[in-house]
Every structure is written in structure tokens, then in C-alpha cells.
Amino acid sequence: MQGWIKVYTGPMFSRKTEELLIELRRYDLAKKKIILFKHAIDNRYGEEYVTSHDGRKMKAIKVSDPSEIYNIGKEYEVIGIDEAQFFDNEIVDVVNRLADEGKRIVIAGLDKNFLGKPFGPMPLLLAIADEVIKLTAVCPVCGEPATFTIRKSKEEQEILIGGYDHYEPRCRVHHHILLR
């Protein structure tokens, strides 16, 4: 099997995790040996699962160091990684190495943080990917495609784990209005 890297990206609530889980289930049905990783910081839906906003879920291994993905993932044919923006830049070398060794890597992650700035290692992952699928959500203000995420609370740190309680998708116009 030839290795490659596919990345699903976009704002929050754009179906990134849902698409990742659908793709991994297809490989599972095709009898491929699959594994799913999530960053240890992501505790929204419990310790053992990756769960999409529409309720799909799959067992996952929590890791914080990308080298753990390599050490465990090298035994599998297809490797899923959710919330890749939370990893450090070592994730780029890890997924490149796994793909070079014939593994198929499917990644989901936010391309931008709530300020609209590139998020973590995502720009580098997008650059090395063989395929990038940029998804959109719906801006609740105007109904236009949303490519940004806003934070509804006042916390200023880059990483704040949450869902609809803290974040909302926005189009370019309604994201920029809030930043003024």
C-alpha cells in the first residue's frame, strides 16, 4: 500500500472529525488495520473516544508526544489523528515518516485559531499533505459559509478546550467585525 497524508481542515463545527471517522470506518470495513489518536489535552467527550458533534464516535488512544504516534502507529496500515493543531511541530516529521513507510495518514484539525491566525503545526501539515479538504461551517449571523471560528468567552489563551459553549463559526465579515 502506498503511503499518503490527507488533511481535513476548516473552522469548528465544519465536520472535520465526522469526515475523519467516516473515512476510518471505510478502511475498517475494507479490513485495513486502523488506529486513531487524539491529543491528551482533548477531554471533551471522555478519555477513550473521539466523538464528532453529530455523535459519531470511535475508540482512540490519547497521546501528547508525536513520537508516541510513530511508535504505536507504525504497526498499522491507516492512522487517524484528530485535533492535530494541539500537537507540536514534531507531528510533521512523524506523519511524513509514517507516510514514507507506506502508511495512510488521515488528519483532522483547525487551520486557524479564534483570532484567525495559523494554528500550531497545521500550516506545515497542510503543506506536506497529498490531499487537503477544506471544509466550511455556517455563519449563524448571516448564513454564509464560515471559514473562521470565534471565541464567545473572554479568555485570551490560544488553547481553550470547548464546543458550542465557547466557540462559534463565522464568515469572514462577521469574524473581522468582532476583532475590531
Protein backbone atom coordinates (compact mmCIF):
# COMPACT_ATOMS: atom_id res chain seq x y z
CA MET A 1 0.00 0.00 0.00
CA GLN A 2 1.35 3.42 -0.93
CA GLY A 3 1.52 5.93 1.88
CA TRP A 4 -0.04 9.38 1.78
CA ILE A 5 -1.30 12.16 4.01
CA LYS A 6 -4.83 13.57 3.86
CA VAL A 7 -5.92 16.54 5.98
CA TYR A 8 -9.46 17.68 6.76
CA THR A 9 -9.37 21.28 7.94
CA GLY A 10 -11.60 24.28 8.50
CA PRO A 11 -13.27 26.08 11.40
CA MET A 12 -15.02 24.48 14.33
CA PHE A 13 -18.31 22.75 13.50
CA SER A 14 -17.32 22.08 9.87
CA ARG A 15 -17.49 18.25 10.12
CA LYS A 16 -13.71 17.63 10.25
CA THR A 17 -13.92 14.93 12.90
CA GLU A 18 -17.04 13.47 11.31
CA GLU A 19 -15.24 13.09 7.96
CA LEU A 20 -12.20 11.58 9.70
CA LEU A 21 -14.37 8.98 11.45
CA ILE A 22 -16.31 8.15 8.27
CA GLU A 23 -13.06 7.60 6.38
CA LEU A 24 -11.56 5.43 9.12
CA ARG A 25 -14.74 3.31 9.25
CA ARG A 26 -14.48 2.73 5.49
CA TYR A 27 -10.92 1.46 5.92
CA ASP A 28 -12.09 -0.72 8.79
CA LEU A 29 -14.80 -2.23 6.56
CA ALA A 30 -12.09 -2.85 3.94
CA LYS A 31 -10.24 -4.92 6.58
CA LYS A 32 -7.36 -2.47 6.92
CA LYS A 33 -5.60 -2.29 10.26
CA ILE A 34 -6.60 1.15 11.62
CA ILE A 35 -5.80 3.19 14.71
CA LEU A 36 -6.99 6.60 15.89
CA PHE A 37 -5.09 9.08 18.06
CA LYS A 38 -6.20 12.20 19.88
CA HIS A 39 -4.20 14.73 21.88
CA ALA A 40 -4.23 14.15 25.63
CA ILE A 41 -5.46 17.72 26.19
CA ASP A 42 -8.79 16.95 24.47
CA ASN A 43 -11.10 15.71 27.22
CA ARG A 44 -14.43 16.92 25.84
CA TYR A 45 -16.03 13.51 25.29
CA GLY A 46 -14.19 11.30 27.74
CA GLU A 47 -10.81 9.68 27.83
CA GLU A 48 -11.17 6.83 25.34
CA TYR A 49 -13.09 8.21 22.38
CA VAL A 50 -13.02 10.72 19.58
CA THR A 51 -16.58 11.98 19.18
CA SER A 52 -17.93 14.26 16.46
CA HIS A 53 -20.51 16.97 17.14
CA ASP A 54 -23.12 14.79 15.39
CA GLY A 55 -22.50 11.95 17.86
CA ARG A 56 -20.29 9.60 15.84
CA LYS A 57 -17.55 8.10 17.95
CA MET A 58 -14.59 5.76 17.76
CA LYS A 59 -12.12 4.46 20.32
CA ALA A 60 -8.88 6.43 20.34
CA ILE A 61 -5.52 6.47 22.05
CA LYS A 62 -4.65 9.66 23.94
CA VAL A 63 -1.10 10.90 23.39
CA SER A 64 0.73 14.16 23.98
CA ASP A 65 4.05 13.43 22.27
CA PRO A 66 4.00 12.84 18.50
CA SER A 67 6.72 10.18 18.88
CA GLU A 68 4.06 8.02 20.57
CA ILE A 69 2.04 8.18 17.35
CA TYR A 70 5.01 6.84 15.44
CA ASN A 71 5.91 4.13 17.93
CA ILE A 72 2.37 2.77 18.10
CA GLY A 73 1.16 3.72 14.62
CA LYS A 74 3.94 2.02 12.67
CA GLU A 75 2.18 -1.32 13.30
CA TYR A 76 -0.98 -0.15 11.47
CA GLU A 77 -1.93 0.48 7.84
CA VAL A 78 -4.16 3.52 8.38
CA ILE A 79 -3.57 6.11 11.10
CA GLY A 80 -6.11 8.75 12.12
CA ILE A 81 -5.16 11.86 14.09
CA ASP A 82 -7.84 14.18 15.48
CA GLU A 83 -7.28 17.77 16.66
CA ALA A 84 -3.78 17.87 15.15
CA GLN A 85 -3.45 21.59 15.92
CA PHE A 86 -2.74 20.69 19.56
CA PHE A 87 0.48 18.81 18.77
CA ASP A 88 3.90 20.42 18.45
CA ASN A 89 5.77 20.62 15.13
CA GLU A 90 7.29 17.16 15.65
CA ILE A 91 3.97 15.82 14.33
CA VAL A 92 5.06 16.92 10.84
CA ASP A 93 8.15 14.69 10.84
CA VAL A 94 6.20 11.81 12.37
CA VAL A 95 3.44 11.78 9.75
CA ASN A 96 5.95 12.28 6.93
CA ARG A 97 7.96 9.30 8.15
CA LEU A 98 4.88 7.11 8.52
CA ALA A 99 3.67 8.04 5.02
CA ASP A 100 7.14 7.33 3.61
CA GLU A 101 6.89 3.88 5.23
CA GLY A 102 3.65 3.17 3.35
CA LYS A 103 1.08 4.24 5.95
CA ARG A 104 -2.05 6.19 5.12
CA ILE A 105 -2.49 9.12 7.46
CA VAL A 106 -5.85 10.88 7.86
CA ILE A 107 -5.75 14.07 9.93
CA ALA A 108 -8.40 16.48 11.21
CA GLY A 109 -7.54 19.87 12.66
CA LEU A 110 -8.32 23.56 12.84
CA ASP A 111 -6.35 25.62 10.33
CA LYS A 112 -6.80 28.88 12.29
CA ASN A 113 -7.21 29.81 15.94
CA PHE A 114 -10.01 32.07 17.21
CA LEU A 115 -8.03 35.16 16.17
CA GLY A 116 -7.81 33.91 12.58
CA LYS A 117 -4.08 33.12 12.86
CA PRO A 118 -2.46 29.84 11.70
CA PHE A 119 -2.85 27.26 14.46
CA GLY A 120 0.04 25.13 15.72
CA PRO A 121 1.58 22.74 13.18
CA MET A 122 -1.41 22.88 10.82
CA PRO A 123 0.21 25.13 8.16
CA LEU A 124 3.10 22.66 7.90
CA LEU A 125 0.77 19.65 7.80
CA LEU A 126 -1.26 21.31 5.04
CA ALA A 127 1.96 21.93 3.09
CA ILE A 128 3.12 18.28 3.20
CA ALA A 129 -0.31 16.71 2.67
CA ASP A 130 -1.04 14.81 -0.51
CA GLU A 131 -4.67 15.89 -0.23
CA VAL A 132 -6.28 18.77 1.67
CA ILE A 133 -10.03 19.06 2.13
CA LYS A 134 -11.03 22.48 3.42
CA LEU A 135 -14.48 22.34 4.97
CA THR A 136 -16.79 25.19 5.93
CA ALA A 137 -19.44 25.63 8.59
CA VAL A 138 -22.39 28.04 8.51
CA CYS A 139 -22.16 31.55 9.95
CA PRO A 140 -25.07 31.83 12.43
CA VAL A 141 -25.25 35.60 11.86
CA CYS A 142 -25.83 35.63 8.08
CA GLY A 143 -25.97 32.02 6.85
CA GLU A 144 -22.91 32.40 4.61
CA PRO A 145 -20.09 29.82 4.58
CA ALA A 146 -17.98 30.15 7.73
CA THR A 147 -14.22 29.69 7.48
CA PHE A 148 -13.34 31.25 10.85
CA THR A 149 -14.05 30.43 14.49
CA ILE A 150 -14.79 32.99 17.19
CA ARG A 151 -14.46 32.53 20.93
CA LYS A 152 -17.59 33.64 22.77
CA SER A 153 -15.86 33.95 26.14
CA LYS A 154 -13.20 36.46 27.19
CA GLU A 155 -10.31 34.04 27.83
CA GLU A 156 -7.25 35.03 25.80
CA GLN A 157 -5.05 31.91 25.86
CA GLU A 158 -4.73 30.20 22.48
CA ILE A 159 -5.94 26.79 23.66
CA LEU A 160 -9.24 26.56 25.49
CA ILE A 161 -10.97 23.21 25.10
CA GLY A 162 -14.67 23.54 24.40
CA GLY A 163 -17.53 23.26 21.96
CA TYR A 164 -20.60 25.42 21.37
CA ASP A 165 -20.22 26.70 24.94
CA HIS A 166 -17.06 28.63 23.97
CA TYR A 167 -16.93 28.80 20.16
CA GLU A 168 -18.98 29.67 17.09
CA PRO A 169 -18.20 29.51 13.37
CA ARG A 170 -18.22 32.80 11.47
CA CYS A 171 -17.85 34.07 7.92
CA ARG A 172 -15.01 36.48 7.14
CA VAL A 173 -17.18 39.58 7.62
CA HIS A 174 -18.63 38.58 10.98
CA HIS A 175 -15.30 37.31 12.29
CA HIS A 176 -13.50 40.54 11.46
CA ILE A 177 -16.24 42.73 12.98
CA LEU A 178 -15.60 41.09 16.35
CA LEU A 179 -11.85 41.67 16.15
CA ARG A 180 -12.15 45.44 15.71
